Amino acid sequence: MKQLLLPALLVLACGSRAAALPARVQDPEATPATGSDQGEARAEVTDLARNLTKTWGIAVYSIKKGKRETGVYVQSNSMGVIEEADVIQFMDLISFPQMQQEMQFQTICNAADGYSLRGVKGKLAMGQLQIEFTDGHAKGMHVGQTPIDMEVPVDFVTDFALLRGLWVTYEPDWEKEFTYLDIESMPKADCVKTGTMRCLGEETLEIEGAKYETWKFRWSIPDEAPSFLWYGKEGQLIQRSNRKELWTFSASRTEKQTAIAAQPPAGPDGGKGRGKGKKDGK
């Protein structure tokens, strides 16, 4: 797949609500409440998601193998409304420039219903995928035009979902089993597995001269090496590691790319647009 420039992907990550699955995502601030009977639990879960989108709307990470940087990971998080239901939208972009490889994923979850998955679409080197999830059923198209039409658990987590600390409890020795869906392995029978998340306690990380107070977790899947995730108190991913790679948050890169994403789109001539009737600066 032809390599795309990272700034362009970041603009996509911050400005693509109109392309959300399975319908256009509306801004929740512009949508009136549907009533006061949603319950405290619903409000609490939605607040967790909304806090993450406010504190961690976009974040950039370096990917290293040993001491050598091999790639960049970018995530963005935003709230919206689909069919009067609060949803949280994840955008995940992984770039390996030297290999000219990139992966882009967009995920829509129900914010007030345990973050149950509504839909996912992505672009990989092998092709594109788009899958919708409804009441334990997955239907859509996988890479290579492989049709997806299968029963899946109602509640599950994915690799990209776990890059947000919304599913965990910040308490030493807390442990929970999750049903895990390997999106890339669908529709194989073994794409559904059981994983265990365990809280290993608090840990202070120093990155780029700044200190981050985090909670460290271990994610384990049978027959696979465990991975480790460090979350901030609002569910922000600060660091991730496995036996191959180390992903580390970069505040300096995040600041730069946030500024790029906030710039107005280029005009049709590739510039930043011109006023009507003006030519060559006249």
Protein backbone atom coordinates (compact mmCIF):
# COMPACT_ATOMS: atom_id res chain seq x y z
CA MET A 1 0.00 0.00 0.00
CA LYS A 2 1.27 3.44 -0.90
CA GLN A 3 2.54 5.29 2.14
CA LEU A 4 0.53 8.31 3.27
CA LEU A 5 1.94 11.32 5.06
CA LEU A 6 1.34 11.26 8.80
CA PRO A 7 -0.06 14.82 9.03
CA ALA A 8 -2.74 13.91 6.50
CA LEU A 9 -3.71 10.89 8.59
CA LEU A 10 -3.96 13.04 11.68
CA VAL A 11 -6.36 15.40 9.96
CA LEU A 12 -8.40 12.33 9.04
CA ALA A 13 -8.34 11.20 12.65
CA CYS A 14 -9.66 14.49 13.95
CA GLY A 15 -12.07 15.43 11.23
CA SER A 16 -13.81 12.29 9.97
CA ARG A 17 -17.02 12.14 12.00
CA ALA A 18 -19.09 12.20 8.83
CA ALA A 19 -17.60 8.84 7.85
CA ALA A 20 -18.47 7.05 11.08
CA LEU A 21 -20.14 3.63 11.16
CA PRO A 22 -22.91 2.78 10.77
CA ALA A 23 -24.34 6.27 10.29
CA ARG A 24 -23.23 9.86 10.54
CA VAL A 25 -22.07 10.72 14.05
CA GLN A 26 -23.57 13.90 15.41
CA ASP A 27 -21.97 16.18 17.96
CA PRO A 28 -23.49 15.28 21.37
CA GLU A 29 -23.26 18.90 22.52
CA ALA A 30 -25.75 19.83 19.80
CA THR A 31 -28.17 16.97 20.58
CA PRO A 32 -30.83 17.43 23.30
CA ALA A 33 -31.05 14.88 26.09
CA THR A 34 -33.60 12.13 25.57
CA GLY A 35 -34.76 12.14 29.19
CA SER A 36 -33.62 11.85 32.77
CA ASP A 37 -34.32 8.15 33.14
CA GLN A 38 -31.01 6.95 31.71
CA GLY A 39 -29.77 6.05 35.18
CA GLU A 40 -26.66 6.80 37.17
CA ALA A 41 -24.73 3.85 35.73
CA ARG A 42 -25.32 5.01 32.16
CA ALA A 43 -24.27 8.56 33.02
CA GLU A 44 -21.14 7.36 34.80
CA VAL A 45 -19.99 5.22 31.88
CA THR A 46 -20.70 8.01 29.41
CA ASP A 47 -18.80 10.49 31.59
CA LEU A 48 -15.73 8.23 31.58
CA ALA A 49 -15.76 8.20 27.79
CA ARG A 50 -16.38 11.94 27.56
CA ASN A 51 -13.53 12.70 29.97
CA LEU A 52 -11.17 10.65 27.81
CA THR A 53 -12.15 12.53 24.66
CA LYS A 54 -11.52 15.85 26.41
CA THR A 55 -8.18 14.98 27.99
CA TRP A 56 -6.89 12.69 25.23
CA GLY A 57 -8.56 13.81 22.03
CA ILE A 58 -5.44 13.01 20.05
CA ALA A 59 -2.14 11.40 21.04
CA VAL A 60 1.04 10.42 19.19
CA TYR A 61 3.38 7.60 20.21
CA SER A 62 6.78 6.38 19.07
CA ILE A 63 7.15 2.66 18.30
CA LYS A 64 10.54 1.18 19.06
CA LYS A 65 12.22 -2.19 18.71
CA GLY A 66 15.08 -2.06 21.15
CA LYS A 67 16.58 1.42 20.83
CA ARG A 68 15.58 1.84 17.18
CA GLU A 69 12.42 3.72 16.30
CA THR A 70 10.48 1.81 13.64
CA GLY A 71 7.10 3.49 13.52
CA VAL A 72 4.49 5.87 14.85
CA TYR A 73 1.09 5.20 16.41
CA VAL A 74 -1.64 7.84 16.51
CA GLN A 75 -4.95 7.58 18.32
CA SER A 76 -7.87 9.99 18.51
CA ASN A 77 -11.03 9.78 20.60
CA SER A 78 -14.28 11.68 20.11
CA MET A 79 -17.88 11.52 21.35
CA GLY A 80 -20.96 11.56 19.16
CA VAL A 81 -24.57 10.46 18.85
CA ILE A 82 -26.08 7.78 16.61
CA GLU A 83 -29.84 7.19 16.73
CA GLU A 84 -30.09 9.18 20.00
CA ALA A 85 -27.46 6.97 21.64
CA ASP A 86 -24.13 8.26 22.93
CA VAL A 87 -21.18 6.72 21.11
CA ILE A 88 -17.43 7.04 21.34
CA GLN A 89 -15.36 6.94 18.18
CA PHE A 90 -11.79 5.62 18.13
CA MET A 91 -9.39 6.32 15.28
CA ASP A 92 -6.15 4.32 15.25
CA LEU A 93 -3.34 4.77 12.76
CA ILE A 94 -0.09 2.82 12.73
CA SER A 95 2.71 3.80 10.35
CA PHE A 96 5.99 2.01 9.60
CA PRO A 97 7.70 4.44 7.16
CA GLN A 98 10.75 2.32 6.37
CA MET A 99 8.52 -0.61 5.41
CA GLN A 100 6.02 1.69 3.67
CA GLN A 101 3.20 0.09 5.63
CA GLU A 102 0.24 1.64 7.38
CA MET A 103 -2.94 0.48 9.09
CA GLN A 104 -5.96 2.67 9.73
CA PHE A 105 -8.90 1.64 11.91
CA GLN A 106 -12.08 3.44 12.91
CA THR A 107 -14.21 1.94 15.69
CA ILE A 108 -17.64 3.02 16.99
CA CYS A 109 -18.76 1.87 20.46
CA ASN A 110 -21.91 2.47 22.51
CA ALA A 111 -20.65 4.74 25.28
CA ALA A 112 -23.49 4.01 27.70
CA ASP A 113 -23.75 0.28 27.13
CA GLY A 114 -20.43 -1.11 28.30
CA TYR A 115 -18.75 0.25 25.15
CA SER A 116 -20.31 -2.55 23.09
CA LEU A 117 -19.07 -2.42 19.51
CA ARG A 118 -21.33 -1.03 16.77
CA GLY A 119 -18.96 -1.08 13.84
CA VAL A 120 -15.39 -1.07 12.63
CA LYS A 121 -13.75 -0.25 9.34
CA GLY A 122 -10.12 -0.21 8.39
CA LYS A 123 -7.47 -0.11 5.71
CA LEU A 124 -4.58 -2.55 5.77
CA ALA A 125 -1.84 -3.43 3.32
CA MET A 126 -3.95 -6.38 2.14
CA GLY A 127 -7.11 -4.33 1.57
CA GLN A 128 -10.05 -2.81 3.42
CA LEU A 129 -12.64 -4.08 5.87
CA GLN A 130 -16.01 -2.84 7.10
CA ILE A 131 -18.06 -4.75 9.66
CA GLU A 132 -21.20 -3.88 11.62
CA PHE A 133 -22.18 -5.54 14.89
CA THR A 134 -25.81 -5.91 16.00
CA ASP A 135 -27.06 -8.01 18.92
CA GLY A 136 -24.30 -10.60 18.74
CA HIS A 137 -24.09 -10.75 14.95
CA ALA A 138 -21.30 -9.47 12.73
CA LYS A 139 -21.87 -8.73 9.07
CA GLY A 140 -19.76 -7.00 6.46
CA MET A 141 -16.69 -7.42 4.32
CA HIS A 142 -13.15 -8.31 5.36
CA VAL A 143 -9.90 -7.73 3.46
CA GLY A 144 -9.69 -9.53 0.15
CA GLN A 145 -13.47 -9.22 -0.27
CA THR A 146 -14.04 -12.00 2.27
CA PRO A 147 -17.68 -11.82 3.42
CA ILE A 148 -18.35 -11.70 7.16
CA ASP A 149 -21.66 -13.12 8.41
CA MET A 150 -21.25 -14.82 11.79
CA GLU A 151 -22.40 -14.93 15.37
CA VAL A 152 -20.14 -13.19 17.87
CA PRO A 153 -20.38 -12.48 21.61
CA VAL A 154 -22.46 -9.44 22.51
CA ASP A 155 -19.72 -8.03 24.74
CA PHE A 156 -16.05 -8.24 23.86
CA VAL A 157 -12.87 -6.18 23.59
CA THR A 158 -10.48 -5.68 20.67
CA ASP A 159 -6.80 -4.79 20.45
CA PHE A 160 -7.54 -1.14 19.76
CA ALA A 161 -10.21 -0.92 22.46
CA LEU A 162 -7.62 -1.97 25.03
CA LEU A 163 -5.48 1.00 24.04
CA ARG A 164 -7.90 2.98 26.17
CA GLY A 165 -8.24 2.28 29.89
CA LEU A 166 -12.05 2.44 29.95
CA TRP A 167 -12.58 -1.27 30.64
CA VAL A 168 -10.44 -1.60 33.76
CA THR A 169 -10.54 -0.86 37.47
CA TYR A 170 -7.65 1.02 39.05
CA GLU A 171 -7.09 -1.18 42.05
CA PRO A 172 -4.05 -3.32 42.95
CA ASP A 173 -4.50 -7.01 42.09
CA TRP A 174 -7.82 -6.35 40.32
CA GLU A 175 -8.31 -9.02 37.67
CA LYS A 176 -11.01 -9.75 35.10
CA GLU A 177 -11.53 -12.06 32.15
CA PHE A 178 -12.69 -10.52 28.87
CA THR A 179 -13.98 -12.06 25.70
CA TYR A 180 -11.50 -10.94 23.04
CA LEU A 181 -12.30 -10.63 19.33
CA ASP A 182 -9.34 -10.69 16.95
CA ILE A 183 -10.71 -8.54 14.13
CA GLU A 184 -7.88 -9.38 11.73
CA SER A 185 -8.52 -13.14 12.11
CA MET A 186 -12.24 -12.98 11.25
CA PRO A 187 -14.08 -15.08 10.13
CA LYS A 188 -11.88 -17.93 11.41
CA ALA A 189 -13.35 -19.98 14.24
CA ASP A 190 -10.50 -19.08 16.61
CA CYS A 191 -10.99 -15.32 16.24
CA VAL A 192 -12.85 -15.30 19.58
CA LYS A 193 -10.67 -15.95 22.62
CA THR A 194 -10.58 -15.29 26.35
CA GLY A 195 -8.08 -12.82 27.75
CA THR A 196 -7.27 -11.73 31.29
CA MET A 197 -6.48 -8.20 32.43
CA ARG A 198 -4.71 -7.76 35.77
CA CYS A 199 -3.77 -4.58 37.58
CA LEU A 200 -0.14 -4.65 38.75
CA GLY A 201 -0.28 -1.41 40.71
CA GLU A 202 0.82 2.19 40.37
CA GLU A 203 4.00 3.23 38.59
CA THR A 204 5.61 6.56 37.76
CA LEU A 205 7.00 6.89 34.23
CA GLU A 206 9.39 9.61 33.09
CA ILE A 207 9.06 10.46 29.40
CA GLU A 208 10.70 13.41 27.64
CA GLY A 209 11.53 14.95 31.01
CA ALA A 210 7.94 14.79 32.31
CA LYS A 211 6.59 12.44 34.97
CA TYR A 212 3.35 10.50 34.50
CA GLU A 213 1.49 8.81 37.34
CA THR A 214 0.11 5.59 35.85
CA TRP A 215 -1.48 2.26 36.62
CA LYS A 216 0.22 -0.75 35.06
CA PHE A 217 -1.81 -3.68 33.69
CA ARG A 218 -0.94 -7.05 32.19
CA TRP A 219 -3.05 -8.39 29.30
CA SER A 220 -2.75 -12.15 28.78
CA ILE A 221 -4.16 -14.42 26.08
CA PRO A 222 -3.53 -18.22 26.15
CA ASP A 223 -0.55 -19.35 24.05
CA GLU A 224 0.63 -15.76 23.49
CA ALA A 225 3.21 -13.66 25.29
CA PRO A 226 1.57 -11.07 27.60
CA SER A 227 1.54 -7.37 26.86
CA PHE A 228 1.70 -4.55 29.37
CA LEU A 229 -0.22 -1.29 29.37
CA TRP A 230 0.24 1.85 31.44
CA TYR A 231 -2.87 4.03 31.76
CA GLY A 232 -3.39 7.48 33.22
CA LYS A 233 -6.27 8.08 35.62
CA GLU A 234 -8.60 9.22 32.83
CA GLY A 235 -7.98 6.08 30.79
CA GLN A 236 -5.20 7.60 28.68
CA LEU A 237 -2.66 5.18 27.25
CA ILE A 238 0.80 6.33 28.31
CA GLN A 239 2.84 3.28 27.30
CA ARG A 240 2.43 -0.20 25.86
CA SER A 241 4.97 -2.99 25.58
CA ASN A 242 5.21 -6.58 24.43
CA ARG A 243 8.12 -8.87 23.63
CA LYS A 244 8.68 -7.12 20.27
CA GLU A 245 7.84 -3.42 20.66
CA LEU A 246 7.57 -0.49 23.02
CA TRP A 247 4.97 2.21 22.32
CA THR A 248 5.57 5.44 24.26
CA PHE A 249 3.49 8.62 24.39
CA SER A 250 5.21 11.73 23.02
CA ALA A 251 3.87 15.05 24.31
CA SER A 252 6.04 17.05 21.91
CA ARG A 253 4.81 15.16 18.84
CA THR A 254 1.24 15.32 20.06
CA GLU A 255 1.43 19.08 20.42
CA LYS A 256 2.84 19.50 16.91
CA GLN A 257 0.36 17.17 15.25
CA THR A 258 -2.60 18.65 17.11
CA ALA A 259 -1.63 22.05 15.70
CA ILE A 260 -1.39 20.57 12.20
CA ALA A 261 -4.80 18.90 12.53
CA ALA A 262 -6.34 22.20 13.66
CA GLN A 263 -5.25 24.05 10.52
CA PRO A 264 -7.96 24.84 7.94
CA PRO A 265 -8.10 22.48 4.96
CA ALA A 266 -6.12 23.40 1.88
CA GLY A 267 -7.90 25.15 -0.98
CA PRO A 268 -8.37 23.55 -4.40
CA ASP A 269 -5.03 25.01 -5.54
CA GLY A 270 -3.21 23.25 -2.69
CA GLY A 271 -2.91 26.43 -0.65
CA LYS A 272 -4.96 27.55 2.32
CA GLY A 273 -7.70 29.05 0.18
CA ARG A 274 -8.26 32.50 -1.26
CA GLY A 275 -11.04 35.01 -1.13
CA LYS A 276 -13.47 35.05 -4.04
CA GLY A 277 -12.51 37.23 -6.96
CA LYS A 278 -8.86 37.53 -5.94
CA LYS A 279 -6.18 36.38 -8.32
CA ASP A 280 -2.43 36.49 -7.94
CA GLY A 281 -2.71 38.63 -4.82
CA LYS A 282 -4.85 41.34 -6.47
